[in-house]
């Protein structure tokens, strides 16, 4: 089983959106997928509660994360996505159970200045990558942000700002379910393929 944690020391960067969309993408690829919401705001919990489809399975955070992840692996899950709270430094040691970390960053100078606070938490940089989120298409700030992130570490991909992402939060769907042939679904697919390749490389090194 593979565990992916979506982390950022800053709030409002799209952690919940990224976690839910990648989880649904993994389901569409035939995986048994669980999602865990560690954020007190409970956005992922709300999304899951409004969703009609059975998967991904919402897992109530209960007890030590390491113990819970072990139980999920024994229960036959293939993948688990964890949505984390902002200022998660107090829980980061517990989240070392994750196989990979995705760090969403909005394309803005303020968000870029907050990156070091999150990046410094990652001991093994090969286990992490950035996702440039809420991008205005063909904007200079998006290009500059991408260059800045690339100098720090790997970039899994970018997500263009689209109202469909917000619409999906209303009824527990994702952009790939609303517009399966759209560009937004393709962006999620690109990030998912990047993630799968990284996880495959990890397995080959072990």
Protein backbone atom coordinates (compact mmCIF):
# COMPACT_ATOMS: atom_id res chain seq x y z
CA UNK A 1 0.00 0.00 0.00
CA UNK A 2 1.17 3.51 -0.81
CA UNK A 3 0.44 6.53 1.37
CA UNK A 4 0.46 10.05 -0.07
CA UNK A 5 0.25 13.09 2.19
CA UNK A 6 -0.80 16.48 0.83
CA UNK A 7 1.00 19.04 2.97
CA UNK A 8 1.61 22.78 3.26
CA UNK A 9 2.29 25.08 6.16
CA UNK A 10 -0.04 27.58 4.48
CA UNK A 11 -3.79 27.26 4.27
CA UNK A 12 -5.92 27.86 1.22
CA UNK A 13 -3.51 26.35 -1.29
CA UNK A 14 -5.78 23.56 -2.53
CA UNK A 15 -4.77 20.54 -0.44
CA UNK A 16 -8.30 19.16 -0.24
CA UNK A 17 -8.94 19.60 -3.96
CA UNK A 18 -5.70 17.84 -4.83
CA UNK A 19 -6.30 14.97 -2.40
CA UNK A 20 -9.87 14.33 -3.57
CA UNK A 21 -9.05 14.52 -7.28
CA UNK A 22 -6.03 12.24 -7.09
CA UNK A 23 -7.96 9.76 -4.96
CA UNK A 24 -10.77 9.58 -7.51
CA UNK A 25 -8.23 9.23 -10.31
CA UNK A 26 -6.64 6.30 -8.46
CA UNK A 27 -10.08 4.69 -8.09
CA UNK A 28 -10.63 5.04 -11.85
CA UNK A 29 -7.36 3.18 -12.37
CA UNK A 30 -8.66 0.20 -10.41
CA UNK A 31 -7.17 0.87 -6.98
CA UNK A 32 -8.88 0.42 -3.62
CA UNK A 33 -8.44 3.91 -2.17
CA UNK A 34 -8.90 5.45 1.26
CA UNK A 35 -8.84 9.12 2.22
CA UNK A 36 -8.05 10.51 5.66
CA UNK A 37 -8.85 14.07 6.75
CA UNK A 38 -6.51 15.42 9.45
CA UNK A 39 -7.50 19.05 8.91
CA UNK A 40 -9.81 20.36 11.68
CA UNK A 41 -11.71 22.37 9.05
CA UNK A 42 -12.96 19.05 7.69
CA UNK A 43 -13.23 20.07 4.03
CA UNK A 44 -12.35 16.61 2.76
CA UNK A 45 -14.82 15.06 5.20
CA UNK A 46 -17.57 17.34 3.90
CA UNK A 47 -16.71 16.50 0.30
CA UNK A 48 -16.79 12.76 1.03
CA UNK A 49 -20.11 13.02 2.87
CA UNK A 50 -21.75 14.66 -0.15
CA UNK A 51 -20.38 12.09 -2.61
CA UNK A 52 -22.70 9.40 -4.00
CA UNK A 53 -19.98 7.05 -5.26
CA UNK A 54 -18.73 4.49 -2.74
CA UNK A 55 -15.04 5.07 -3.41
CA UNK A 56 -12.74 6.52 -2.36
CA UNK A 57 -13.53 5.23 1.11
CA UNK A 58 -13.51 7.91 3.81
CA UNK A 59 -11.50 6.75 6.81
CA UNK A 60 -12.19 8.40 10.15
CA UNK A 61 -8.92 9.50 11.76
CA UNK A 62 -8.76 7.42 14.92
CA UNK A 63 -5.68 6.94 17.06
CA UNK A 64 -2.07 6.83 15.92
CA UNK A 65 -1.73 7.36 12.19
CA UNK A 66 0.94 4.67 11.86
CA UNK A 67 -1.35 2.08 13.46
CA UNK A 68 -4.28 3.14 11.31
CA UNK A 69 -2.26 2.93 8.11
CA UNK A 70 -1.10 -0.56 9.06
CA UNK A 71 -4.72 -1.66 9.53
CA UNK A 72 -5.68 -0.21 6.16
CA UNK A 73 -2.86 -2.10 4.46
CA UNK A 74 -3.98 -5.31 6.13
CA UNK A 75 -7.53 -4.54 5.00
CA UNK A 76 -6.55 -4.60 1.35
CA UNK A 77 -6.25 -0.92 0.48
CA UNK A 78 -3.84 -0.06 -2.35
CA UNK A 79 -3.53 3.66 -1.75
CA UNK A 80 -4.34 6.19 0.94
CA UNK A 81 -4.39 9.97 0.51
CA UNK A 82 -4.06 12.17 3.61
CA UNK A 83 -5.28 15.77 3.73
CA UNK A 84 -3.32 17.63 6.41
CA UNK A 85 -3.88 20.85 8.35
CA UNK A 86 -1.94 24.07 7.81
CA UNK A 87 0.88 24.57 10.31
CA UNK A 88 1.25 20.80 10.46
CA UNK A 89 4.73 20.87 11.97
CA UNK A 90 3.36 19.39 15.21
CA UNK A 91 2.04 16.35 13.37
CA UNK A 92 4.77 15.99 10.76
CA UNK A 93 6.72 13.34 12.64
CA UNK A 94 3.59 11.21 12.65
CA UNK A 95 3.16 11.74 8.92
CA UNK A 96 6.52 10.15 8.14
CA UNK A 97 4.43 7.05 7.50
CA UNK A 98 3.76 8.59 4.07
CA UNK A 99 5.59 7.24 1.04
CA UNK A 100 5.34 10.54 -0.81
CA UNK A 101 4.48 14.18 -0.10
CA UNK A 102 2.77 16.53 -2.53
CA UNK A 103 3.03 20.25 -1.76
CA UNK A 104 0.46 22.46 -3.50
CA UNK A 105 1.57 26.06 -4.00
CA UNK A 106 -0.47 28.89 -5.48
CA UNK A 107 1.16 31.04 -8.14
CA UNK A 108 1.62 34.18 -6.03
CA UNK A 109 4.63 35.92 -4.46
CA UNK A 110 3.15 35.54 -0.97
CA UNK A 111 2.66 31.79 -1.36
CA UNK A 112 6.14 31.34 -2.77
CA UNK A 113 7.62 33.05 0.29
CA UNK A 114 5.99 30.43 2.53
CA UNK A 115 7.55 27.46 0.71
CA UNK A 116 10.71 27.13 2.87
CA UNK A 117 8.61 26.53 5.99
CA UNK A 118 7.16 23.41 4.37
CA UNK A 119 10.16 22.31 2.31
CA UNK A 120 12.44 22.25 5.36
CA UNK A 121 10.21 19.62 6.95
CA UNK A 122 11.02 17.15 4.17
CA UNK A 123 14.11 15.18 5.07
CA UNK A 124 14.19 13.08 1.91
CA UNK A 125 13.57 15.48 -0.96
CA UNK A 126 13.14 12.53 -3.36
CA UNK A 127 9.90 11.75 -1.52
CA UNK A 128 8.29 15.09 -2.33
CA UNK A 129 7.18 17.28 -5.22
CA UNK A 130 5.40 20.57 -5.72
CA UNK A 131 2.09 21.14 -7.51
CA UNK A 132 1.59 24.65 -8.88
CA UNK A 133 -2.07 25.35 -8.20
CA UNK A 134 -4.71 27.89 -9.20
CA UNK A 135 -2.69 29.00 -12.22
CA UNK A 136 -3.86 31.78 -14.52
CA UNK A 137 -3.16 30.47 -17.99
CA UNK A 138 -0.16 32.03 -19.78
CA UNK A 139 0.52 34.47 -16.95
CA UNK A 140 4.02 35.73 -16.14
CA UNK A 141 3.58 34.96 -12.44
CA UNK A 142 2.79 31.34 -13.27
CA UNK A 143 5.97 31.03 -15.32
CA UNK A 144 8.07 32.71 -12.61
CA UNK A 145 6.51 30.50 -9.92
CA UNK A 146 7.25 27.37 -11.91
CA UNK A 147 10.88 28.40 -12.32
CA UNK A 148 11.21 29.09 -8.59
CA UNK A 149 9.74 25.72 -7.64
CA UNK A 150 11.89 23.88 -10.18
CA UNK A 151 15.02 25.29 -8.58
CA UNK A 152 13.98 23.85 -5.21
CA UNK A 153 12.80 20.39 -6.19
CA UNK A 154 10.60 18.30 -8.44
CA UNK A 155 7.35 19.71 -9.84
CA UNK A 156 4.59 17.17 -10.37
CA UNK A 157 2.55 19.48 -12.57
CA UNK A 158 0.24 22.47 -12.53
CA UNK A 159 -3.49 23.03 -12.18
CA UNK A 160 -5.17 25.89 -14.01
CA UNK A 161 -7.81 27.88 -12.15
CA UNK A 162 -11.24 26.62 -13.26
CA UNK A 163 -14.68 27.11 -11.73
CA UNK A 164 -15.39 23.41 -12.29
CA UNK A 165 -12.99 22.51 -9.48
CA UNK A 166 -15.17 24.49 -7.04
CA UNK A 167 -18.40 23.14 -8.50
CA UNK A 168 -17.30 19.59 -7.77
CA UNK A 169 -16.96 20.37 -4.08
CA UNK A 170 -20.72 20.95 -3.90
CA UNK A 171 -21.80 17.39 -4.60
CA UNK A 172 -18.65 15.36 -3.97
CA UNK A 173 -17.51 15.02 -7.56
CA UNK A 174 -14.25 15.87 -9.30
CA UNK A 175 -13.44 17.65 -12.53
CA UNK A 176 -12.62 14.37 -14.26
CA UNK A 177 -16.14 13.16 -13.48
CA UNK A 178 -17.79 16.41 -14.60
CA UNK A 179 -15.63 17.01 -17.68
CA UNK A 180 -13.75 13.74 -18.30
CA UNK A 181 -12.33 14.93 -21.63
CA UNK A 182 -11.48 18.43 -20.44
CA UNK A 183 -8.11 20.06 -19.85
CA UNK A 184 -8.59 20.04 -16.08
CA UNK A 185 -8.99 16.26 -16.07
CA UNK A 186 -5.85 16.02 -18.19
CA UNK A 187 -3.91 18.11 -15.66
CA UNK A 188 -4.96 15.81 -12.83
CA UNK A 189 -4.00 12.83 -14.98
CA UNK A 190 -0.53 14.26 -15.56
CA UNK A 191 0.06 14.75 -11.83
CA UNK A 192 -1.23 11.25 -11.11
CA UNK A 193 1.14 9.71 -13.66
CA UNK A 194 4.04 11.67 -12.19
CA UNK A 195 3.13 10.36 -8.74
CA UNK A 196 2.86 6.76 -9.94
CA UNK A 197 6.26 6.97 -11.61
CA UNK A 198 7.86 8.29 -8.43
CA UNK A 199 6.27 5.55 -6.35
CA UNK A 200 7.48 2.97 -8.90
CA UNK A 201 11.02 4.33 -8.66
CA UNK A 202 10.86 4.07 -4.87
CA UNK A 203 9.84 0.42 -5.15
CA UNK A 204 12.74 -0.32 -7.49
CA UNK A 205 15.23 1.16 -5.02
CA UNK A 206 13.96 -0.96 -2.13
